[in-house]
Protein backbone atom coordinates (compact mmCIF):
# COMPACT_ATOMS: atom_id res chain seq x y z
CA MET A 1 0.00 0.00 0.00
CA SER A 2 1.36 3.39 -0.90
CA ASP A 3 0.05 6.35 1.07
CA GLU A 4 1.61 9.32 -0.64
CA ASN A 5 -1.15 11.84 0.07
CA VAL A 6 -2.19 10.93 3.57
CA SER A 7 -3.81 13.77 5.47
CA PRO A 8 -2.24 14.47 8.89
CA GLU A 9 -5.48 13.57 10.71
CA GLU A 10 -5.73 10.14 9.15
CA VAL A 11 -5.02 6.79 10.82
CA VAL A 12 -3.24 4.42 8.45
CA GLU A 13 -3.65 0.69 9.07
CA ALA A 14 -2.10 -1.76 6.63
CA GLN A 15 0.29 -4.64 6.36
CA VAL A 16 2.89 -2.48 4.56
CA VAL A 17 2.96 1.32 4.52
CA ASN A 18 5.26 3.22 2.14
CA MET A 19 5.29 6.99 2.56
CA THR A 20 7.10 9.59 0.50
CA ASP A 21 6.74 13.34 1.12
CA SER A 22 3.66 12.87 3.28
CA GLY A 23 2.40 12.71 6.83
CA ALA A 24 0.00 10.78 9.01
CA ASP A 25 -1.30 10.99 12.53
CA THR A 26 -1.12 7.29 13.43
CA ILE A 27 0.37 4.38 11.51
CA LYS A 28 -0.26 0.75 12.47
CA ALA A 29 1.46 -1.79 10.22
CA GLU A 30 3.79 -4.75 10.05
CA MET A 31 6.28 -2.80 7.93
CA VAL A 32 6.66 0.98 7.53
CA ARG A 33 8.97 2.71 5.07
CA MET A 34 9.19 6.50 5.23
CA GLN A 35 11.07 8.90 2.96
CA GLN A 36 10.91 12.63 3.81
CA SER A 37 7.71 12.01 5.76
CA GLY A 38 6.37 12.40 9.26
CA ALA A 39 3.98 10.76 11.68
CA ASN A 40 2.69 11.45 15.14
CA SER A 41 2.55 7.77 16.21
CA ILE A 42 3.95 4.63 14.61
CA PHE A 43 3.25 1.07 15.78
CA ALA A 44 4.98 -1.56 13.64
CA ASP A 45 7.13 -4.67 13.56
CA GLU A 46 9.74 -3.11 11.26
CA VAL A 47 10.34 0.57 10.51
CA GLY A 48 12.74 2.13 8.01
CA MET A 49 13.03 5.93 7.92
CA THR A 50 15.08 8.31 5.78
CA GLN A 51 14.96 12.08 6.35
CA SER A 52 11.76 11.63 8.30
CA GLY A 53 10.37 12.27 11.76
CA ALA A 54 8.07 10.77 14.35
CA VAL A 55 6.83 11.84 17.76
CA GLY A 56 6.20 8.35 19.14
CA LEU A 57 7.54 5.15 17.63
CA LYS A 58 7.11 1.60 18.95
CA ALA A 59 8.52 -1.29 16.91
CA GLN A 60 10.59 -4.44 17.03
CA THR A 61 13.24 -3.21 14.56
CA VAL A 62 14.01 0.40 13.61
CA SER A 63 16.49 1.61 11.04
CA ALA A 64 16.78 5.36 10.48
CA HIS A 65 19.01 7.70 8.51
CA GLU A 66 18.97 11.50 8.95
CA THR A 67 15.83 11.17 11.04
CA GLY A 68 14.44 12.66 14.24
CA VAL A 69 12.30 10.86 16.82
CA VAL A 70 10.97 12.16 20.13
CA ALA A 71 10.21 8.85 21.91
CA LEU A 72 11.36 5.50 20.54
CA GLN A 73 10.85 2.02 22.00
CA ALA A 74 12.13 -1.05 20.15
CA ASP A 75 14.07 -4.29 20.41
CA GLU A 76 16.74 -3.33 17.85
CA VAL A 77 17.59 0.23 16.82
CA ASN A 78 20.05 1.43 14.19
CA LEU A 79 20.29 5.24 13.95
CA ALA A 80 22.69 6.85 11.48
CA GLU A 81 23.14 10.63 11.48
CA SER A 82 19.92 10.84 13.44
CA GLY A 83 18.62 12.25 16.70
CA VAL A 84 16.30 10.96 19.39
CA ILE A 85 15.14 12.43 22.69
CA ALA A 86 14.12 9.28 24.61
CA LEU A 87 15.24 5.82 23.48
CA ASN A 88 14.44 2.52 25.21
CA ALA A 89 15.68 -0.64 23.47
CA GLU A 90 17.40 -3.96 23.87
CA ASP A 91 20.19 -3.29 21.33
CA VAL A 92 21.17 0.15 20.01
CA TYR A 93 23.62 1.24 17.34
CA LEU A 94 23.84 5.03 17.32
CA GLN A 95 25.64 7.49 15.12
CA GLY A 96 24.21 10.87 16.02
CA ARG A 97 22.67 12.54 19.05
CA ALA A 98 20.34 11.43 21.82
CA ALA A 99 19.11 12.88 25.09
CA VAL A 100 18.38 9.68 27.05
CA VAL A 101 19.31 6.13 26.03
CA VAL A 102 18.28 3.14 28.14
CA ALA A 103 19.31 -0.20 26.63
CA ASN A 104 20.94 -3.50 27.40
CA ASN A 105 23.61 -3.14 24.69
CA VAL A 106 24.67 0.20 23.23
CA GLU A 107 27.20 0.80 20.49
CA VAL A 108 28.01 4.40 19.61
CA GLN A 109 30.12 5.64 16.73
CA GLU A 110 30.81 9.38 16.89
CA GLY A 111 27.85 10.30 19.06
CA THR A 112 26.68 12.66 21.74
CA VAL A 113 24.30 11.38 24.40
CA LEU A 114 23.17 13.36 27.43
CA THR A 115 22.44 10.28 29.58
CA VAL A 116 23.25 6.62 28.91
CA ALA A 117 22.07 3.72 31.07
CA SER A 118 23.27 0.42 29.68
CA GLN A 119 24.56 -2.96 30.74
CA ASN A 120 27.18 -2.96 27.96
CA LEU A 121 28.53 0.13 26.18
CA ARG A 122 30.93 0.07 23.25
CA ALA A 123 31.97 3.34 21.71
CA GLU A 124 34.29 4.46 18.98
CA ARG A 125 33.84 7.96 20.40
CA ILE A 126 31.05 9.18 22.67
CA GLU A 127 30.48 12.33 24.68
CA THR A 128 28.02 12.04 27.52
CA LYS A 129 27.10 13.91 30.69
CA ILE A 130 25.85 10.96 32.76
CA LEU A 131 26.98 7.38 32.17
CA LEU A 132 25.54 4.39 34.02
CA ALA A 133 27.01 1.21 32.53
CA GLY A 134 28.05 -2.24 33.64
CA SER A 135 30.92 -2.61 31.18
CA VAL A 136 32.48 0.06 28.96
CA GLU A 137 34.76 -0.33 25.95
CA GLY A 138 36.21 2.42 23.79
CA GLU A 139 36.72 6.16 23.93
CA VAL A 140 34.17 7.64 26.33
CA HIS A 141 34.16 11.23 27.57
CA THR A 142 31.76 11.69 30.46
CA LEU A 143 31.03 14.21 33.18
CA VAL A 144 29.53 11.70 35.68
CA ASP A 145 30.24 7.96 35.46
CA THR A 146 28.56 5.09 37.33
CA ARG A 147 30.69 5.34 40.50
CA GLU A 148 30.28 9.11 40.70
CA ALA A 149 26.50 8.81 40.18
CA VAL A 150 26.25 6.34 43.09
CA LEU A 151 28.39 8.60 45.27
CA ILE A 152 26.30 11.68 44.39
CA GLY A 153 23.13 9.72 45.22
CA LEU A 154 24.48 8.59 48.58
CA ILE A 155 25.71 12.04 49.54
CA GLY A 156 22.44 13.62 48.39
CA GLY A 157 20.46 11.11 50.45
CA VAL A 158 22.54 11.67 53.58
CA VAL A 159 22.37 15.48 53.26
CA SER A 160 18.60 15.37 52.63
CA GLY A 161 18.12 13.11 55.65
CA ILE A 162 20.13 15.45 57.88
CA PHE A 163 18.11 18.47 56.78
CA LEU A 164 14.81 16.62 57.32
CA LEU A 165 15.86 15.55 60.82
CA LEU A 166 17.09 19.06 61.66
CA GLY A 167 13.86 20.57 60.38
CA ARG A 168 11.79 18.15 62.41
CA PHE A 169 13.90 18.80 65.52
CA LEU A 170 13.86 22.60 65.17
CA PHE A 171 10.39 23.17 63.76
CA GLY A 172 8.51 20.06 64.87
CA ARG A 173 5.28 20.34 66.84
CA LYS A 174 5.60 20.92 70.57
CA LYS A 175 3.26 18.88 72.78
C-alpha cells in the first residue's frame, strides 16, 4: 500500500505502509517505510526511515538515517546521522545525538548522548554527561560515570536526611 497523500489527521492501518513526502497521525502496520515524511505515532514490527520524523515510535526493529524521533521504543535500533530524545531498546547502534538512552547493549560511533544507562557500552567515540554502565569499551568522555553517580546519590540522600531531621527537631510540633 502506498500512502503518498495521507492527510495528517488520518489513521493508516495496513500490512505495509510506504510513505514519500507525506504525513500521518497514526500508523499501524507490520512494515513501515518513510522517505521525507512524518507521523505522530507509529506502531509496527519493522520501521525504516530516511529524512523523516516521528513523535512516538514503537517497533521491534528500527532503522533510520537522517531522522528525528521524540520517543522510541524497540528491540533493535540502528540510527545513522539521526537524533532521538528518549530511546528505550534492547540493542542500540547510534551514530548521532540522543538525550536519554536506556538499553541492554549500546554501540556508539561518533555520538553525543546526554544520559546513557546500559549494561554494555561500546563506543568508537562518545560524549556524555551521565553514564551508568556495567561494562564500557572504547573512547568515552563523560562528566559523571557510574561510580560518581552512586556517590552523588548517597551524599544527596545523607544530606537530605540530615536536613529533614534538623527541620523536624527545630520546627517540629511541641506537645
